[in-house]
Amino acid sequence: MPCDLSDMELQILYILYRNTCFNSAASYHSKKLKKILRNKFDDDIDTALSHLQNKAYITAVRKQDPKFYISTIGKAYVVLKSHGKNVTPPGRSTTHHLD
């Protein structure tokens, strides 16, 4: 692997990137992430989210239940692209997802 992120952390980044969560106004709810990833991974999602925050990939919006968005778009793009994810480069307006 080109980076030290787990499969769950890559999936979280991919979900946020696909939903264009690039600022605090367009953030993704943590309960939705937990619902999506509950059956796919056995890891603790809170640990994965805190690891991504420590690595400066995502930032939390403080609410009753936190919401997250990608804080470093270029860094997230490079990691997702290097792992073979279908992502559009930052700044492009159209996205076509085949998966």
N, C-alpha and C. Protein backbone atom coordinates (compact mmCIF):
# COMPACT_ATOMS: atom_id res chain seq x y z
N MET A 1 0.84 -1.19 0.00
CA MET A 1 0.00 0.00 0.00
C MET A 1 0.88 1.25 0.00
N PRO A 2 0.52 2.24 -0.78
CA PRO A 2 1.31 3.46 -0.83
C PRO A 2 1.19 4.34 0.41
N CYS A 3 0.22 4.07 1.26
CA CYS A 3 0.06 4.90 2.46
C CYS A 3 -0.26 3.98 3.63
N ASP A 4 -0.39 4.56 4.80
CA ASP A 4 -0.65 3.76 5.99
C ASP A 4 -2.12 3.81 6.42
N LEU A 5 -3.03 3.94 5.47
CA LEU A 5 -4.45 3.97 5.77
C LEU A 5 -5.06 2.58 5.61
N SER A 6 -6.00 2.26 6.48
CA SER A 6 -6.68 0.97 6.39
C SER A 6 -7.74 1.03 5.30
N ASP A 7 -8.33 -0.12 5.00
CA ASP A 7 -9.38 -0.17 3.98
C ASP A 7 -10.60 0.65 4.40
N MET A 8 -10.92 0.62 5.67
CA MET A 8 -12.05 1.39 6.17
C MET A 8 -11.79 2.90 6.02
N GLU A 9 -10.59 3.33 6.33
CA GLU A 9 -10.25 4.75 6.22
C GLU A 9 -10.29 5.20 4.76
N LEU A 10 -9.82 4.34 3.85
CA LEU A 10 -9.92 4.67 2.42
C LEU A 10 -11.37 4.75 1.97
N GLN A 11 -12.20 3.87 2.48
CA GLN A 11 -13.62 3.90 2.12
C GLN A 11 -14.29 5.16 2.64
N ILE A 12 -13.93 5.61 3.84
CA ILE A 12 -14.48 6.85 4.39
C ILE A 12 -14.08 8.03 3.51
N LEU A 13 -12.80 8.09 3.14
CA LEU A 13 -12.35 9.16 2.25
C LEU A 13 -13.08 9.11 0.92
N TYR A 14 -13.28 7.92 0.39
CA TYR A 14 -13.95 7.77 -0.89
C TYR A 14 -15.40 8.24 -0.81
N ILE A 15 -16.09 7.91 0.26
CA ILE A 15 -17.48 8.36 0.45
C ILE A 15 -17.54 9.88 0.52
N LEU A 16 -16.65 10.47 1.29
CA LEU A 16 -16.64 11.93 1.41
C LEU A 16 -16.28 12.59 0.08
N TYR A 17 -15.33 12.01 -0.65
CA TYR A 17 -14.91 12.59 -1.93
C TYR A 17 -16.03 12.49 -2.96
N ARG A 18 -16.69 11.35 -3.03
CA ARG A 18 -17.78 11.17 -4.00
C ARG A 18 -18.94 12.10 -3.74
N ASN A 19 -19.18 12.42 -2.48
CA ASN A 19 -20.28 13.30 -2.12
C ASN A 19 -19.84 14.76 -2.05
N THR A 20 -18.68 15.08 -2.55
CA THR A 20 -18.10 16.42 -2.61
C THR A 20 -18.21 17.15 -1.27
N CYS A 21 -17.76 16.49 -0.24
CA CYS A 21 -17.74 17.09 1.11
C CYS A 21 -16.40 17.79 1.29
N PHE A 22 -16.28 18.99 0.72
CA PHE A 22 -15.01 19.70 0.72
C PHE A 22 -15.00 20.95 1.58
N ASN A 23 -16.11 21.27 2.25
CA ASN A 23 -16.13 22.40 3.17
C ASN A 23 -17.14 22.13 4.28
N SER A 24 -17.16 23.00 5.26
CA SER A 24 -18.00 22.76 6.43
C SER A 24 -19.50 22.82 6.10
N ALA A 25 -19.87 23.54 5.04
CA ALA A 25 -21.28 23.62 4.66
C ALA A 25 -21.74 22.34 3.96
N ALA A 26 -20.81 21.60 3.40
CA ALA A 26 -21.14 20.36 2.70
C ALA A 26 -20.47 19.19 3.40
N SER A 27 -20.80 18.98 4.65
CA SER A 27 -20.19 17.91 5.42
C SER A 27 -21.10 16.69 5.48
N TYR A 28 -20.55 15.56 5.87
CA TYR A 28 -21.27 14.30 5.88
C TYR A 28 -21.47 13.84 7.32
N HIS A 29 -22.64 13.40 7.65
CA HIS A 29 -23.01 13.05 9.01
C HIS A 29 -22.36 11.73 9.43
N SER A 30 -21.86 11.68 10.66
CA SER A 30 -21.18 10.49 11.15
C SER A 30 -22.13 9.30 11.28
N LYS A 31 -23.40 9.54 11.57
CA LYS A 31 -24.35 8.43 11.67
C LYS A 31 -24.56 7.76 10.30
N LYS A 32 -24.53 8.54 9.23
CA LYS A 32 -24.66 7.96 7.90
C LYS A 32 -23.45 7.10 7.57
N LEU A 33 -22.26 7.60 7.94
CA LEU A 33 -21.04 6.82 7.71
C LEU A 33 -21.10 5.50 8.47
N LYS A 34 -21.53 5.55 9.72
CA LYS A 34 -21.62 4.34 10.52
C LYS A 34 -22.62 3.35 9.92
N LYS A 35 -23.72 3.85 9.40
CA LYS A 35 -24.73 2.99 8.80
C LYS A 35 -24.20 2.33 7.53
N ILE A 36 -23.47 3.08 6.72
CA ILE A 36 -22.92 2.54 5.48
C ILE A 36 -21.84 1.50 5.76
N LEU A 37 -20.97 1.77 6.71
CA LEU A 37 -19.80 0.92 6.94
C LEU A 37 -20.02 -0.18 7.97
N ARG A 38 -21.14 -0.20 8.61
CA ARG A 38 -21.40 -1.16 9.70
C ARG A 38 -21.25 -2.60 9.24
N ASN A 39 -21.78 -2.96 8.09
CA ASN A 39 -21.76 -4.34 7.63
C ASN A 39 -20.51 -4.70 6.83
N LYS A 40 -19.77 -3.70 6.35
CA LYS A 40 -18.62 -3.97 5.51
C LYS A 40 -17.33 -4.22 6.30
N PHE A 41 -17.19 -3.55 7.45
CA PHE A 41 -15.94 -3.61 8.19
C PHE A 41 -16.19 -3.93 9.66
N ASP A 42 -15.24 -4.63 10.26
CA ASP A 42 -15.34 -4.96 11.68
C ASP A 42 -14.62 -3.93 12.55
N ASP A 43 -13.84 -3.06 11.94
CA ASP A 43 -13.06 -2.07 12.69
C ASP A 43 -13.98 -1.03 13.34
N ASP A 44 -13.44 -0.33 14.30
CA ASP A 44 -14.18 0.74 14.98
C ASP A 44 -14.12 2.00 14.12
N ILE A 45 -15.27 2.52 13.75
CA ILE A 45 -15.31 3.69 12.86
C ILE A 45 -14.79 4.94 13.56
N ASP A 46 -15.01 5.06 14.86
CA ASP A 46 -14.53 6.24 15.59
C ASP A 46 -13.01 6.30 15.59
N THR A 47 -12.37 5.14 15.69
CA THR A 47 -10.90 5.09 15.62
C THR A 47 -10.42 5.48 14.23
N ALA A 48 -11.11 5.00 13.21
CA ALA A 48 -10.74 5.35 11.83
C ALA A 48 -10.91 6.84 11.56
N LEU A 49 -12.00 7.41 12.06
CA LEU A 49 -12.23 8.84 11.87
C LEU A 49 -11.19 9.68 12.61
N SER A 50 -10.83 9.27 13.82
CA SER A 50 -9.82 10.03 14.56
C SER A 50 -8.44 9.90 13.90
N HIS A 51 -8.14 8.74 13.31
CA HIS A 51 -6.86 8.57 12.61
C HIS A 51 -6.81 9.47 11.38
N LEU A 52 -7.92 9.56 10.65
CA LEU A 52 -7.97 10.44 9.49
C LEU A 52 -7.85 11.91 9.90
N GLN A 53 -8.42 12.26 11.04
CA GLN A 53 -8.29 13.63 11.54
C GLN A 53 -6.85 13.92 11.95
N ASN A 54 -6.19 12.97 12.59
CA ASN A 54 -4.80 13.16 13.00
C ASN A 54 -3.87 13.29 11.80
N LYS A 55 -4.19 12.61 10.71
CA LYS A 55 -3.38 12.68 9.49
C LYS A 55 -3.77 13.88 8.62
N ALA A 56 -4.72 14.69 9.06
CA ALA A 56 -5.18 15.92 8.40
C ALA A 56 -5.85 15.67 7.06
N TYR A 57 -6.52 14.53 6.92
CA TYR A 57 -7.32 14.28 5.73
C TYR A 57 -8.71 14.88 5.87
N ILE A 58 -9.29 14.76 7.06
CA ILE A 58 -10.65 15.25 7.29
C ILE A 58 -10.69 16.18 8.49
N THR A 59 -11.77 16.94 8.57
CA THR A 59 -12.02 17.84 9.68
C THR A 59 -13.45 17.64 10.15
N ALA A 60 -13.65 17.76 11.45
CA ALA A 60 -14.98 17.58 12.02
C ALA A 60 -15.67 18.92 12.21
N VAL A 61 -16.97 18.93 11.97
CA VAL A 61 -17.81 20.07 12.29
C VAL A 61 -18.51 19.70 13.58
N ARG A 62 -18.33 20.50 14.60
CA ARG A 62 -18.89 20.18 15.90
C ARG A 62 -20.39 20.40 15.92
N LYS A 63 -21.11 19.34 16.03
CA LYS A 63 -22.56 19.34 16.19
C LYS A 63 -22.86 18.37 17.32
N GLN A 64 -24.12 18.10 17.56
CA GLN A 64 -24.47 17.10 18.56
C GLN A 64 -23.85 15.75 18.16
N ASP A 65 -24.03 15.37 16.91
CA ASP A 65 -23.31 14.25 16.32
C ASP A 65 -22.41 14.86 15.26
N PRO A 66 -21.11 14.62 15.33
CA PRO A 66 -20.18 15.31 14.42
C PRO A 66 -20.42 14.99 12.95
N LYS A 67 -20.09 15.97 12.12
CA LYS A 67 -20.14 15.83 10.67
C LYS A 67 -18.71 16.02 10.18
N PHE A 68 -18.36 15.40 9.06
CA PHE A 68 -16.99 15.43 8.57
C PHE A 68 -16.93 15.88 7.13
N TYR A 69 -15.80 16.52 6.79
CA TYR A 69 -15.53 16.89 5.41
C TYR A 69 -14.03 16.77 5.15
N ILE A 70 -13.66 16.68 3.88
CA ILE A 70 -12.25 16.55 3.50
C ILE A 70 -11.61 17.92 3.59
N SER A 71 -10.54 18.01 4.36
CA SER A 71 -9.88 19.30 4.53
C SER A 71 -8.72 19.49 3.55
N THR A 72 -8.10 18.41 3.11
CA THR A 72 -6.99 18.49 2.18
C THR A 72 -7.38 17.73 0.91
N ILE A 73 -7.99 18.42 -0.02
CA ILE A 73 -8.55 17.77 -1.20
C ILE A 73 -7.47 17.12 -2.07
N GLY A 74 -6.39 17.82 -2.32
CA GLY A 74 -5.33 17.28 -3.16
C GLY A 74 -4.70 16.03 -2.58
N LYS A 75 -4.47 16.05 -1.30
CA LYS A 75 -3.87 14.90 -0.61
C LYS A 75 -4.82 13.70 -0.67
N ALA A 76 -6.10 13.93 -0.46
CA ALA A 76 -7.10 12.86 -0.53
C ALA A 76 -7.19 12.31 -1.95
N TYR A 77 -7.14 13.18 -2.95
CA TYR A 77 -7.21 12.74 -4.34
C TYR A 77 -6.04 11.83 -4.68
N VAL A 78 -4.84 12.21 -4.29
CA VAL A 78 -3.65 11.42 -4.60
C VAL A 78 -3.74 10.03 -3.97
N VAL A 79 -4.17 9.97 -2.71
CA VAL A 79 -4.27 8.69 -2.02
C VAL A 79 -5.33 7.81 -2.68
N LEU A 80 -6.49 8.38 -2.97
CA LEU A 80 -7.56 7.59 -3.57
C LEU A 80 -7.19 7.11 -4.97
N LYS A 81 -6.55 7.97 -5.75
CA LYS A 81 -6.13 7.61 -7.10
C LYS A 81 -5.07 6.52 -7.06
N SER A 82 -4.15 6.60 -6.10
CA SER A 82 -3.08 5.59 -6.01
C SER A 82 -3.62 4.22 -5.58
N HIS A 83 -4.80 4.20 -4.98
CA HIS A 83 -5.42 2.94 -4.58
C HIS A 83 -6.44 2.46 -5.61
N GLY A 84 -6.50 3.11 -6.76
CA GLY A 84 -7.34 2.66 -7.85
C GLY A 84 -8.80 3.06 -7.76
N LYS A 85 -9.11 4.05 -6.95
CA LYS A 85 -10.49 4.51 -6.84
C LYS A 85 -10.82 5.42 -8.02
N ASN A 86 -12.06 5.41 -8.45
CA ASN A 86 -12.51 6.23 -9.57
C ASN A 86 -12.89 7.61 -9.06
N VAL A 87 -11.95 8.54 -9.08
CA VAL A 87 -12.19 9.90 -8.60
C VAL A 87 -11.81 10.91 -9.68
N THR A 88 -12.51 12.02 -9.67
CA THR A 88 -12.26 13.11 -10.59
C THR A 88 -11.27 14.07 -9.95
N PRO A 89 -10.32 14.59 -10.71
CA PRO A 89 -9.37 15.54 -10.12
C PRO A 89 -10.08 16.75 -9.52
N PRO A 90 -9.50 17.33 -8.48
CA PRO A 90 -10.12 18.51 -7.86
C PRO A 90 -10.26 19.64 -8.86
N GLY A 91 -11.40 20.32 -8.80
CA GLY A 91 -11.64 21.44 -9.69
C GLY A 91 -12.49 21.10 -10.89
N ARG A 92 -12.66 19.84 -11.19
CA ARG A 92 -13.52 19.44 -12.29
C ARG A 92 -14.95 19.34 -11.79
N SER A 93 -15.90 19.72 -12.60
CA SER A 93 -17.27 19.78 -12.13
C SER A 93 -18.06 18.49 -12.36
N THR A 94 -17.69 17.69 -13.33
CA THR A 94 -18.47 16.48 -13.60
C THR A 94 -17.79 15.26 -13.01
N THR A 95 -18.60 14.37 -12.48
CA THR A 95 -18.08 13.11 -11.97
C THR A 95 -18.90 11.98 -12.55
N HIS A 96 -18.25 10.94 -12.97
CA HIS A 96 -18.91 9.76 -13.50
C HIS A 96 -18.39 8.56 -12.72
N HIS A 97 -19.25 7.94 -11.94
CA HIS A 97 -18.85 6.82 -11.11
C HIS A 97 -19.35 5.53 -11.73
N LEU A 98 -18.44 4.62 -11.97
CA LEU A 98 -18.80 3.35 -12.56
C LEU A 98 -19.09 2.28 -11.53
N ASP A 99 -18.74 2.54 -10.27
CA ASP A 99 -18.96 1.51 -9.25
C ASP A 99 -20.08 1.88 -8.33
